């Protein structure tokens, strides 16, 4: 991995073996993202697993290129266990308790700490 420091953000970008996928420590907790965006590989992977085509994904994220979407899918396939773990960790039922929140039967999220 090589690192690039962007003068605008001063965040360290770690390149991966996939040219369109990077990791930035303070962006989405260092999860792999599509370079030049905040789109996590896990989001592309979830759409791909759900049967969406690259064209479908591009309709959702029109600012991405087809090449970067293909690279995100390739990254997912090369790192399936890692990305599957991220998907699981980021399910709403796993995130809510960590943030001190709960979802009621209507789907409304409330925070348990009233000082927020």
C-alpha atoms as a PDB file:
ATOM      1  CA  UNK A   1       0.000   0.000   0.000  1.00  0.00           C
ATOM      2  CA  UNK A   2       1.209   3.463  -0.807  1.00  0.00           C
ATOM      3  CA  UNK A   3      -0.114   6.594   0.768  1.00  0.00           C
ATOM      4  CA  UNK A   4      -1.172   9.889  -0.734  1.00  0.00           C
ATOM      5  CA  UNK A   5      -1.845  12.922   1.386  1.00  0.00           C
ATOM      6  CA  UNK A   6      -4.411  15.231  -0.147  1.00  0.00           C
ATOM      7  CA  UNK A   7      -3.584  18.909   0.465  1.00  0.00           C
ATOM      8  CA  UNK A   8      -7.275  19.794   0.798  1.00  0.00           C
ATOM      9  CA  UNK A   9      -8.104  17.254   3.460  1.00  0.00           C
ATOM     10  CA  UNK A  10      -4.728  16.169   4.840  1.00  0.00           C
ATOM     11  CA  UNK A  11      -6.158  12.651   5.082  1.00  0.00           C
ATOM     12  CA  UNK A  12      -3.910   9.744   4.273  1.00  0.00           C
ATOM     13  CA  UNK A  13      -5.221   7.687   1.364  1.00  0.00           C
ATOM     14  CA  UNK A  14      -4.053   4.079   1.243  1.00  0.00           C
ATOM     15  CA  UNK A  15      -4.157   2.513  -2.179  1.00  0.00           C
ATOM     16  CA  UNK A  16      -5.192  -1.085  -2.613  1.00  0.00           C
ATOM     17  CA  UNK A  17      -4.344  -3.600  -5.326  1.00  0.00           C
ATOM     18  CA  UNK A  18      -7.486  -2.303  -7.055  1.00  0.00           C
ATOM     19  CA  UNK A  19      -6.820   1.079  -8.706  1.00  0.00           C
ATOM     20  CA  UNK A  20     -10.267   2.543  -7.986  1.00  0.00           C
ATOM     21  CA  UNK A  21     -10.481   1.370  -4.360  1.00  0.00           C
ATOM     22  CA  UNK A  22      -8.773   3.169  -1.491  1.00  0.00           C
ATOM     23  CA  UNK A  23      -8.933   3.305   2.277  1.00  0.00           C
ATOM     24  CA  UNK A  24      -8.777   6.553   4.235  1.00  0.00           C
ATOM     25  CA  UNK A  25      -8.419   6.189   7.973  1.00  0.00           C
ATOM     26  CA  UNK A  26     -10.942   8.877   8.949  1.00  0.00           C
ATOM     27  CA  UNK A  27     -13.465   8.177   6.193  1.00  0.00           C
ATOM     28  CA  UNK A  28     -16.053   5.506   7.014  1.00  0.00           C
ATOM     29  CA  UNK A  29     -13.719   4.084   9.629  1.00  0.00           C
ATOM     30  CA  UNK A  30     -11.098   3.161   7.051  1.00  0.00           C
ATOM     31  CA  UNK A  31     -13.441   0.881   5.114  1.00  0.00           C
ATOM     32  CA  UNK A  32     -12.611   0.380   1.427  1.00  0.00           C
ATOM     33  CA  UNK A  33     -14.292   3.056  -0.688  1.00  0.00           C
ATOM     34  CA  UNK A  34     -14.480   4.014  -4.332  1.00  0.00           C
ATOM     35  CA  UNK A  35     -11.688   6.511  -4.903  1.00  0.00           C
ATOM     36  CA  UNK A  36     -12.910  10.100  -5.088  1.00  0.00           C
ATOM     37  CA  UNK A  37     -16.154   9.295  -3.286  1.00  0.00           C
ATOM     38  CA  UNK A  38     -17.485   8.219   0.082  1.00  0.00           C
ATOM     39  CA  UNK A  39     -19.199   5.175  -1.423  1.00  0.00           C
ATOM     40  CA  UNK A  40     -18.188   2.072   0.512  1.00  0.00           C
ATOM     41  CA  UNK A  41     -17.374  -1.074  -1.413  1.00  0.00           C
ATOM     42  CA  UNK A  42     -19.869  -2.815   0.874  1.00  0.00           C
ATOM     43  CA  UNK A  43     -22.720  -0.749  -0.614  1.00  0.00           C
ATOM     44  CA  UNK A  44     -21.767  -1.753  -4.159  1.00  0.00           C
ATOM     45  CA  UNK A  45     -21.363  -5.363  -2.971  1.00  0.00           C
ATOM     46  CA  UNK A  46     -24.836  -5.373  -1.401  1.00  0.00           C
ATOM     47  CA  UNK A  47     -26.385  -4.139  -4.624  1.00  0.00           C
ATOM     48  CA  UNK A  48     -24.400  -6.684  -6.645  1.00  0.00           C
ATOM     49  CA  UNK A  49     -25.431  -9.510  -4.284  1.00  0.00           C
ATOM     50  CA  UNK A  50     -29.028  -8.357  -4.623  1.00  0.00           C
ATOM     51  CA  UNK A  51     -28.914  -8.822  -8.375  1.00  0.00           C
ATOM     52  CA  UNK A  52     -28.333  -5.241  -9.507  1.00  0.00           C
ATOM     53  CA  UNK A  53     -26.345  -4.816 -12.710  1.00  0.00           C
ATOM     54  CA  UNK A  54     -23.537  -2.311 -13.141  1.00  0.00           C
ATOM     55  CA  UNK A  55     -26.039  -0.114 -15.024  1.00  0.00           C
ATOM     56  CA  UNK A  56     -28.446  -0.319 -12.071  1.00  0.00           C
ATOM     57  CA  UNK A  57     -25.658   0.684  -9.683  1.00  0.00           C
ATOM     58  CA  UNK A  58     -24.700   3.586 -11.954  1.00  0.00           C
ATOM     59  CA  UNK A  59     -28.311   4.818 -11.879  1.00  0.00           C
ATOM     60  CA  UNK A  60     -28.076   4.929  -8.097  1.00  0.00           C
ATOM     61  CA  UNK A  61     -24.588   6.470  -8.082  1.00  0.00           C
ATOM     62  CA  UNK A  62     -24.357   8.378 -11.396  1.00  0.00           C
ATOM     63  CA  UNK A  63     -21.173  10.170 -10.329  1.00  0.00           C
ATOM     64  CA  UNK A  64     -19.261   6.853 -10.398  1.00  0.00           C
ATOM     65  CA  UNK A  65     -17.739   5.389 -13.548  1.00  0.00           C
ATOM     66  CA  UNK A  66     -18.525   1.917 -14.834  1.00  0.00           C
ATOM     67  CA  UNK A  67     -14.851   1.078 -14.373  1.00  0.00           C
ATOM     68  CA  UNK A  68     -14.920   2.027 -10.688  1.00  0.00           C
ATOM     69  CA  UNK A  69     -18.094  -0.014 -10.103  1.00  0.00           C
ATOM     70  CA  UNK A  70     -16.545  -3.057 -11.794  1.00  0.00           C
ATOM     71  CA  UNK A  71     -13.431  -2.541  -9.667  1.00  0.00           C
ATOM     72  CA  UNK A  72     -15.545  -2.350  -6.492  1.00  0.00           C
ATOM     73  CA  UNK A  73     -17.232  -5.633  -7.432  1.00  0.00           C
ATOM     74  CA  UNK A  74     -13.839  -7.161  -8.159  1.00  0.00           C
ATOM     75  CA  UNK A  75     -12.543  -5.947  -4.783  1.00  0.00           C
ATOM     76  CA  UNK A  76     -15.560  -7.519  -3.099  1.00  0.00           C
ATOM     77  CA  UNK A  77     -14.958 -10.843  -4.857  1.00  0.00           C
ATOM     78  CA  UNK A  78     -11.261 -10.770  -3.893  1.00  0.00           C
ATOM     79  CA  UNK A  79     -12.032  -9.812  -0.265  1.00  0.00           C
ATOM     80  CA  UNK A  80     -15.398 -11.474   0.226  1.00  0.00           C
ATOM     81  CA  UNK A  81     -14.979 -12.432   3.913  1.00  0.00           C
ATOM     82  CA  UNK A  82     -13.836  -8.912   4.874  1.00  0.00           C
ATOM     83  CA  UNK A  83     -16.679  -7.190   3.016  1.00  0.00           C
ATOM     84  CA  UNK A  84     -19.298  -9.666   4.254  1.00  0.00           C
ATOM     85  CA  UNK A  85     -18.147  -8.895   7.808  1.00  0.00           C
ATOM     86  CA  UNK A  86     -18.516  -5.158   7.120  1.00  0.00           C
ATOM     87  CA  UNK A  87     -22.002  -5.701   5.733  1.00  0.00           C
ATOM     88  CA  UNK A  88     -22.989  -7.633   8.856  1.00  0.00           C
ATOM     89  CA  UNK A  89     -21.445  -5.064  11.212  1.00  0.00           C
ATOM     90  CA  UNK A  90     -23.307  -2.241   9.464  1.00  0.00           C
ATOM     91  CA  UNK A  91     -26.775  -3.767   9.621  1.00  0.00           C
ATOM     92  CA  UNK A  92     -29.144  -1.444  11.457  1.00  0.00           C
ATOM     93  CA  UNK A  93     -29.779  -3.887  14.289  1.00  0.00           C
ATOM     94  CA  UNK A  94     -26.032  -3.979  14.980  1.00  0.00           C
ATOM     95  CA  UNK A  95     -25.490  -0.218  14.697  1.00  0.00           C
ATOM     96  CA  UNK A  96     -28.356   1.016  16.855  1.00  0.00           C
ATOM     97  CA  UNK A  97     -27.135  -0.393  20.186  1.00  0.00           C
ATOM     98  CA  UNK A  98     -23.645   1.020  19.535  1.00  0.00           C
ATOM     99  CA  UNK A  99     -25.103   4.489  19.011  1.00  0.00           C
ATOM    100  CA  UNK A 100     -27.429   4.360  22.022  1.00  0.00           C
ATOM    101  CA  UNK A 101     -30.536   4.263  19.854  1.00  0.00           C
ATOM    102  CA  UNK A 102     -33.499   2.006  19.297  1.00  0.00           C
ATOM    103  CA  UNK A 103     -36.086   1.538  16.557  1.00  0.00           C
ATOM    104  CA  UNK A 104     -39.751   1.290  17.439  1.00  0.00           C
ATOM    105  CA  UNK A 105     -42.341  -0.882  15.689  1.00  0.00           C
ATOM    106  CA  UNK A 106     -43.105   1.965  13.246  1.00  0.00           C
ATOM    107  CA  UNK A 107     -39.453   2.239  12.182  1.00  0.00           C
ATOM    108  CA  UNK A 108     -38.735   5.471  14.040  1.00  0.00           C
ATOM    109  CA  UNK A 109     -35.293   5.714  15.624  1.00  0.00           C
ATOM    110  CA  UNK A 110     -34.953   7.347  18.992  1.00  0.00           C
ATOM    111  CA  UNK A 111     -31.912   7.896  21.164  1.00  0.00           C
ATOM    112  CA  UNK A 112     -32.018   6.449  24.645  1.00  0.00           C
ATOM    113  CA  UNK A 113     -29.845   9.266  26.034  1.00  0.00           C
ATOM    114  CA  UNK A 114     -32.144  12.293  26.193  1.00  0.00           C
ATOM    115  CA  UNK A 115     -29.179  14.704  26.302  1.00  0.00           C
ATOM    116  CA  UNK A 116     -28.478  14.175  22.579  1.00  0.00           C
END
